[in-house]
Amino acid sequence: MRHALTRHPSSASPAAAIEAEIVRKPESLALSYTVTGDIGKLAIPELANPTRADELWKHTCFEAFIMPKQGSGYSEFNLSPTGQWAAYHFKAHRSGMSNIAQASDPGVGSRAFGDRFDLRAIFDLRGLPNLDGPWKVGLSVILEDTSGIRSYWAVKHPIDKLDFHHLDCFALQLPSAE
């Protein structure tokens, strides 16, 4: 199922809309994002460097946050159009962050055509910590325009601040994988 992301009211963007989809299978997590609008005014780098990297959120970045419905902590997955990616685990809200060492290259793929940009990736979940049972999920995107200004998109934003890690952003529910 596709989910519409909304732009945070504190930011502007040449993008008109963003939709995201998350598909959970027993051993994988598939993420896909579609951005529509004036794509030529967005800073979307070309696919070039499929490596693990930190601080991807400083530029155009596609994200998924996953929290077990039971238990503590959550995981964050970041994807760059360059092919760079990251996977982190947090013990609590923005604290106790560590790289998920078992995560492997999700094979980021992207394409732009006309007024549309698509990005997709599939993470192998085998061996990743704390991802059993039903999940609460947050999907988000940071879009940088060609002048360096960023806009912030999410399925749901907290009322009083911009914070993709906030519990309010975990607005989607996914059942256990079959």
C-alpha atoms as a PDB file:
ATOM      1  CA  MET A   1       0.000   0.000   0.000  1.00  0.00           C
ATOM      2  CA  ARG A   2       1.287   3.447  -0.929  1.00  0.00           C
ATOM      3  CA  HIS A   3       1.297   6.223   1.648  1.00  0.00           C
ATOM      4  CA  ALA A   4       1.224   9.965   0.944  1.00  0.00           C
ATOM      5  CA  LEU A   5       3.878  11.982   2.740  1.00  0.00           C
ATOM      6  CA  THR A   6       3.153  15.574   3.739  1.00  0.00           C
ATOM      7  CA  ARG A   7       5.604  18.439   3.716  1.00  0.00           C
ATOM      8  CA  HIS A   8       6.358  19.996   7.093  1.00  0.00           C
ATOM      9  CA  PRO A   9       4.720  23.473   7.136  1.00  0.00           C
ATOM     10  CA  SER A  10       8.045  25.130   8.027  1.00  0.00           C
ATOM     11  CA  SER A  11       9.581  24.142   4.667  1.00  0.00           C
ATOM     12  CA  ALA A  12       8.927  24.786   0.971  1.00  0.00           C
ATOM     13  CA  SER A  13       9.801  22.570  -1.990  1.00  0.00           C
ATOM     14  CA  PRO A  14       9.650  22.305  -5.780  1.00  0.00           C
ATOM     15  CA  ALA A  15       8.195  18.830  -5.184  1.00  0.00           C
ATOM     16  CA  ALA A  16       4.414  18.632  -5.430  1.00  0.00           C
ATOM     17  CA  ALA A  17       3.916  15.224  -3.814  1.00  0.00           C
ATOM     18  CA  ILE A  18       5.739  12.224  -2.375  1.00  0.00           C
ATOM     19  CA  GLU A  19       4.400   8.710  -1.952  1.00  0.00           C
ATOM     20  CA  ALA A  20       6.164   5.858  -0.199  1.00  0.00           C
ATOM     21  CA  GLU A  21       5.598   2.147   0.134  1.00  0.00           C
ATOM     22  CA  ILE A  22       6.997  -0.364   2.576  1.00  0.00           C
ATOM     23  CA  VAL A  23       6.645  -4.106   2.007  1.00  0.00           C
ATOM     24  CA  ARG A  24       7.642  -6.499   4.739  1.00  0.00           C
ATOM     25  CA  LYS A  25       8.499 -10.106   4.000  1.00  0.00           C
ATOM     26  CA  PRO A  26       9.973 -12.686   6.393  1.00  0.00           C
ATOM     27  CA  GLU A  27      13.548 -12.001   5.297  1.00  0.00           C
ATOM     28  CA  SER A  28      13.402  -8.582   3.619  1.00  0.00           C
ATOM     29  CA  LEU A  29      12.150  -5.024   3.773  1.00  0.00           C
ATOM     30  CA  ALA A  30      11.355  -3.332   0.452  1.00  0.00           C
ATOM     31  CA  LEU A  31      11.119   0.452   0.344  1.00  0.00           C
ATOM     32  CA  SER A  32      10.014   2.567  -2.605  1.00  0.00           C
ATOM     33  CA  TYR A  33       9.476   6.294  -2.922  1.00  0.00           C
ATOM     34  CA  THR A  34       8.012   8.431  -5.727  1.00  0.00           C
ATOM     35  CA  VAL A  35       8.576  12.187  -5.883  1.00  0.00           C
ATOM     36  CA  THR A  36       6.582  14.278  -8.365  1.00  0.00           C
ATOM     37  CA  GLY A  37       6.910  17.958  -9.201  1.00  0.00           C
ATOM     38  CA  ASP A  38       9.603  20.182 -10.678  1.00  0.00           C
ATOM     39  CA  ILE A  39      12.335  17.517 -10.439  1.00  0.00           C
ATOM     40  CA  GLY A  40      14.842  19.747 -12.274  1.00  0.00           C
ATOM     41  CA  LYS A  41      14.891  22.093  -9.275  1.00  0.00           C
ATOM     42  CA  LEU A  42      15.809  19.298  -6.841  1.00  0.00           C
ATOM     43  CA  ALA A  43      19.380  18.351  -5.945  1.00  0.00           C
ATOM     44  CA  ILE A  44      19.171  14.650  -6.732  1.00  0.00           C
ATOM     45  CA  PRO A  45      22.628  13.198  -7.280  1.00  0.00           C
ATOM     46  CA  GLU A  46      23.135  10.352  -9.725  1.00  0.00           C
ATOM     47  CA  LEU A  47      23.582   6.758  -8.661  1.00  0.00           C
ATOM     48  CA  ALA A  48      27.332   6.298  -8.217  1.00  0.00           C
ATOM     49  CA  ASN A  49      28.565   4.988  -4.894  1.00  0.00           C
ATOM     50  CA  PRO A  50      26.744   2.065  -3.222  1.00  0.00           C
ATOM     51  CA  THR A  51      28.493   2.172   0.153  1.00  0.00           C
ATOM     52  CA  ARG A  52      27.529   2.610   3.783  1.00  0.00           C
ATOM     53  CA  ALA A  53      27.786   6.284   4.811  1.00  0.00           C
ATOM     54  CA  ASP A  54      26.805   8.519   7.721  1.00  0.00           C
ATOM     55  CA  GLU A  55      24.999  11.881   7.734  1.00  0.00           C
ATOM     56  CA  LEU A  56      23.011  11.173   4.585  1.00  0.00           C
ATOM     57  CA  TRP A  57      20.218  13.363   6.001  1.00  0.00           C
ATOM     58  CA  LYS A  58      22.303  16.479   5.253  1.00  0.00           C
ATOM     59  CA  HIS A  59      21.204  16.201   1.606  1.00  0.00           C
ATOM     60  CA  THR A  60      18.411  14.439  -0.290  1.00  0.00           C
ATOM     61  CA  CYS A  61      17.670  11.303   1.747  1.00  0.00           C
ATOM     62  CA  PHE A  62      14.877   8.720   1.925  1.00  0.00           C
ATOM     63  CA  GLU A  63      14.228   7.179   5.354  1.00  0.00           C
ATOM     64  CA  ALA A  64      12.310   4.484   7.190  1.00  0.00           C
ATOM     65  CA  PHE A  65      11.983   4.205  10.963  1.00  0.00           C
ATOM     66  CA  ILE A  66      10.885   0.883  12.462  1.00  0.00           C
ATOM     67  CA  MET A  67       9.883   0.221  16.053  1.00  0.00           C
ATOM     68  CA  PRO A  68       8.779  -3.159  17.378  1.00  0.00           C
ATOM     69  CA  LYS A  69       5.233  -2.845  18.720  1.00  0.00           C
ATOM     70  CA  GLN A  70       6.464  -4.640  21.840  1.00  0.00           C
ATOM     71  CA  GLY A  71       9.868  -3.848  23.280  1.00  0.00           C
ATOM     72  CA  SER A  72      12.113  -0.837  23.236  1.00  0.00           C
ATOM     73  CA  GLY A  73      14.273   1.024  20.785  1.00  0.00           C
ATOM     74  CA  TYR A  74      13.914   1.456  17.051  1.00  0.00           C
ATOM     75  CA  SER A  75      15.861   1.153  13.803  1.00  0.00           C
ATOM     76  CA  GLU A  76      16.489   3.790  11.143  1.00  0.00           C
ATOM     77  CA  PHE A  77      17.297   3.074   7.486  1.00  0.00           C
ATOM     78  CA  ASN A  78      18.640   5.881   5.240  1.00  0.00           C
ATOM     79  CA  LEU A  79      18.931   5.798   1.452  1.00  0.00           C
ATOM     80  CA  SER A  80      20.644   8.274  -0.859  1.00  0.00           C
ATOM     81  CA  PRO A  81      20.108   8.521  -4.624  1.00  0.00           C
ATOM     82  CA  THR A  82      23.909   8.044  -4.880  1.00  0.00           C
ATOM     83  CA  GLY A  83      23.453   4.449  -3.690  1.00  0.00           C
ATOM     84  CA  GLN A  84      24.852   5.238  -0.260  1.00  0.00           C
ATOM     85  CA  TRP A  85      22.882   3.879   2.669  1.00  0.00           C
ATOM     86  CA  ALA A  86      22.903   3.563   6.447  1.00  0.00           C
ATOM     87  CA  ALA A  87      21.233   1.414   9.105  1.00  0.00           C
ATOM     88  CA  TYR A  88      21.166   2.377  12.781  1.00  0.00           C
ATOM     89  CA  HIS A  89      19.607   1.141  16.004  1.00  0.00           C
ATOM     90  CA  PHE A  90      18.578   3.511  18.802  1.00  0.00           C
ATOM     91  CA  LYS A  91      17.914   2.381  22.381  1.00  0.00           C
ATOM     92  CA  ALA A  92      15.528   5.307  22.944  1.00  0.00           C
ATOM     93  CA  HIS A  93      14.503   8.609  21.319  1.00  0.00           C
ATOM     94  CA  ARG A  94      17.692   9.898  19.640  1.00  0.00           C
ATOM     95  CA  SER A  95      19.925   8.130  22.185  1.00  0.00           C
ATOM     96  CA  GLY A  96      22.068   5.024  22.292  1.00  0.00           C
ATOM     97  CA  MET A  97      22.684   5.070  18.517  1.00  0.00           C
ATOM     98  CA  SER A  98      24.783   2.326  16.956  1.00  0.00           C
ATOM     99  CA  ASN A  99      25.385   1.064  13.429  1.00  0.00           C
ATOM    100  CA  ILE A 100      23.558  -2.147  12.613  1.00  0.00           C
ATOM    101  CA  ALA A 101      26.674  -4.086  11.687  1.00  0.00           C
ATOM    102  CA  GLN A 102      24.706  -6.977  10.137  1.00  0.00           C
ATOM    103  CA  ALA A 103      22.997  -4.722   7.576  1.00  0.00           C
ATOM    104  CA  SER A 104      24.140  -5.177   3.994  1.00  0.00           C
ATOM    105  CA  ASP A 105      23.900  -3.107   0.811  1.00  0.00           C
ATOM    106  CA  PRO A 106      20.172  -2.745  -0.030  1.00  0.00           C
ATOM    107  CA  GLY A 107      20.827  -2.221  -3.738  1.00  0.00           C
ATOM    108  CA  VAL A 108      19.476   1.313  -4.093  1.00  0.00           C
ATOM    109  CA  GLY A 109      17.990   1.899  -7.532  1.00  0.00           C
ATOM    110  CA  SER A 110      16.634   5.155  -8.889  1.00  0.00           C
ATOM    111  CA  ARG A 111      15.375   6.790 -12.048  1.00  0.00           C
ATOM    112  CA  ALA A 112      14.122  10.206 -13.052  1.00  0.00           C
ATOM    113  CA  PHE A 113      11.833  10.943 -15.960  1.00  0.00           C
ATOM    114  CA  GLY A 114       9.746  14.013 -16.673  1.00  0.00           C
ATOM    115  CA  ASP A 115       8.218  15.300 -13.458  1.00  0.00           C
ATOM    116  CA  ARG A 116       8.906  12.096 -11.504  1.00  0.00           C
ATOM    117  CA  PHE A 117      11.759  10.548  -9.505  1.00  0.00           C
ATOM    118  CA  ASP A 118      11.619   6.977  -8.138  1.00  0.00           C
ATOM    119  CA  LEU A 119      13.917   5.358  -5.567  1.00  0.00           C
ATOM    120  CA  ARG A 120      13.743   1.790  -4.295  1.00  0.00           C
ATOM    121  CA  ALA A 121      15.815  -0.554  -2.134  1.00  0.00           C
ATOM    122  CA  ILE A 122      15.526  -3.916  -0.401  1.00  0.00           C
ATOM    123  CA  PHE A 123      17.168  -4.598   2.957  1.00  0.00           C
ATOM    124  CA  ASP A 124      17.965  -8.176   3.963  1.00  0.00           C
ATOM    125  CA  LEU A 125      16.511  -8.535   7.476  1.00  0.00           C
ATOM    126  CA  ARG A 126      18.153 -11.830   8.378  1.00  0.00           C
ATOM    127  CA  GLY A 127      20.210 -11.327  11.498  1.00  0.00           C
ATOM    128  CA  LEU A 128      19.066  -7.765  12.167  1.00  0.00           C
ATOM    129  CA  PRO A 129      18.248  -7.080  15.833  1.00  0.00           C
ATOM    130  CA  ASN A 130      14.839  -6.407  17.376  1.00  0.00           C
ATOM    131  CA  LEU A 131      12.722  -6.668  14.230  1.00  0.00           C
ATOM    132  CA  ASP A 132      10.390  -9.517  15.201  1.00  0.00           C
ATOM    133  CA  GLY A 133       6.629  -9.167  15.667  1.00  0.00           C
ATOM    134  CA  PRO A 134       4.393  -6.311  14.496  1.00  0.00           C
ATOM    135  CA  TRP A 135       5.972  -2.909  13.798  1.00  0.00           C
ATOM    136  CA  LYS A 136       5.189   0.761  14.102  1.00  0.00           C
ATOM    137  CA  VAL A 137       6.700   2.552  11.088  1.00  0.00           C
ATOM    138  CA  GLY A 138       7.595   6.091  10.084  1.00  0.00           C
ATOM    139  CA  LEU A 139       8.452   6.940   6.465  1.00  0.00           C
ATOM    140  CA  SER A 140      10.141  10.236   5.651  1.00  0.00           C
ATOM    141  CA  VAL A 141      12.114  12.132   3.011  1.00  0.00           C
ATOM    142  CA  ILE A 142      14.485  15.069   3.104  1.00  0.00           C
ATOM    143  CA  LEU A 143      14.614  16.848  -0.255  1.00  0.00           C
ATOM    144  CA  GLU A 144      17.313  19.371  -1.046  1.00  0.00           C
ATOM    145  CA  ASP A 145      16.680  21.841  -3.841  1.00  0.00           C
ATOM    146  CA  THR A 146      19.350  23.184  -6.181  1.00  0.00           C
ATOM    147  CA  SER A 147      19.859  26.263  -3.954  1.00  0.00           C
ATOM    148  CA  GLY A 148      20.646  24.024  -0.941  1.00  0.00           C
ATOM    149  CA  ILE A 149      17.331  24.509   0.888  1.00  0.00           C
ATOM    150  CA  ARG A 150      15.842  21.345   2.394  1.00  0.00           C
ATOM    151  CA  SER A 151      12.206  20.339   2.769  1.00  0.00           C
ATOM    152  CA  TYR A 152      10.986  17.674   5.176  1.00  0.00           C
ATOM    153  CA  TRP A 153       8.288  15.140   4.337  1.00  0.00           C
ATOM    154  CA  ALA A 154       6.698  12.411   6.495  1.00  0.00           C
ATOM    155  CA  VAL A 155       3.593  10.261   6.786  1.00  0.00           C
ATOM    156  CA  LYS A 156       2.909  12.224   9.968  1.00  0.00           C
ATOM    157  CA  HIS A 157       4.716  15.087  11.707  1.00  0.00           C
ATOM    158  CA  PRO A 158       4.595  15.847  15.442  1.00  0.00           C
ATOM    159  CA  ILE A 159       2.417  18.869  16.172  1.00  0.00           C
ATOM    160  CA  ASP A 160       5.008  21.090  17.817  1.00  0.00           C
ATOM    161  CA  LYS A 161       8.338  20.315  16.097  1.00  0.00           C
ATOM    162  CA  LEU A 162      10.230  18.829  13.186  1.00  0.00           C
ATOM    163  CA  ASP A 163      11.574  15.463  14.396  1.00  0.00           C
ATOM    164  CA  PHE A 164      11.325  12.240  12.379  1.00  0.00           C
ATOM    165  CA  HIS A 165      12.440  10.293  15.484  1.00  0.00           C
ATOM    166  CA  HIS A 166       9.404  11.485  17.488  1.00  0.00           C
ATOM    167  CA  LEU A 167       6.937   8.763  18.488  1.00  0.00           C
ATOM    168  CA  ASP A 168       4.115  10.573  16.613  1.00  0.00           C
ATOM    169  CA  CYS A 169       5.953   9.901  13.318  1.00  0.00           C
ATOM    170  CA  PHE A 170       5.626   6.116  13.780  1.00  0.00           C
ATOM    171  CA  ALA A 171       2.091   6.362  12.392  1.00  0.00           C
ATOM    172  CA  LEU A 172       1.914   3.205  10.254  1.00  0.00           C
ATOM    173  CA  GLN A 173       1.288  -0.295  11.566  1.00  0.00           C
ATOM    174  CA  LEU A 174       2.711  -3.405   9.925  1.00  0.00           C
ATOM    175  CA  PRO A 175       1.783  -6.918  11.065  1.00  0.00           C
ATOM    176  CA  SER A 176       4.359  -9.647  11.580  1.00  0.00           C
ATOM    177  CA  ALA A 177       5.798 -11.017   8.352  1.00  0.00           C
ATOM    178  CA  GLU A 178       4.081 -14.140   7.076  1.00  0.00           C
END
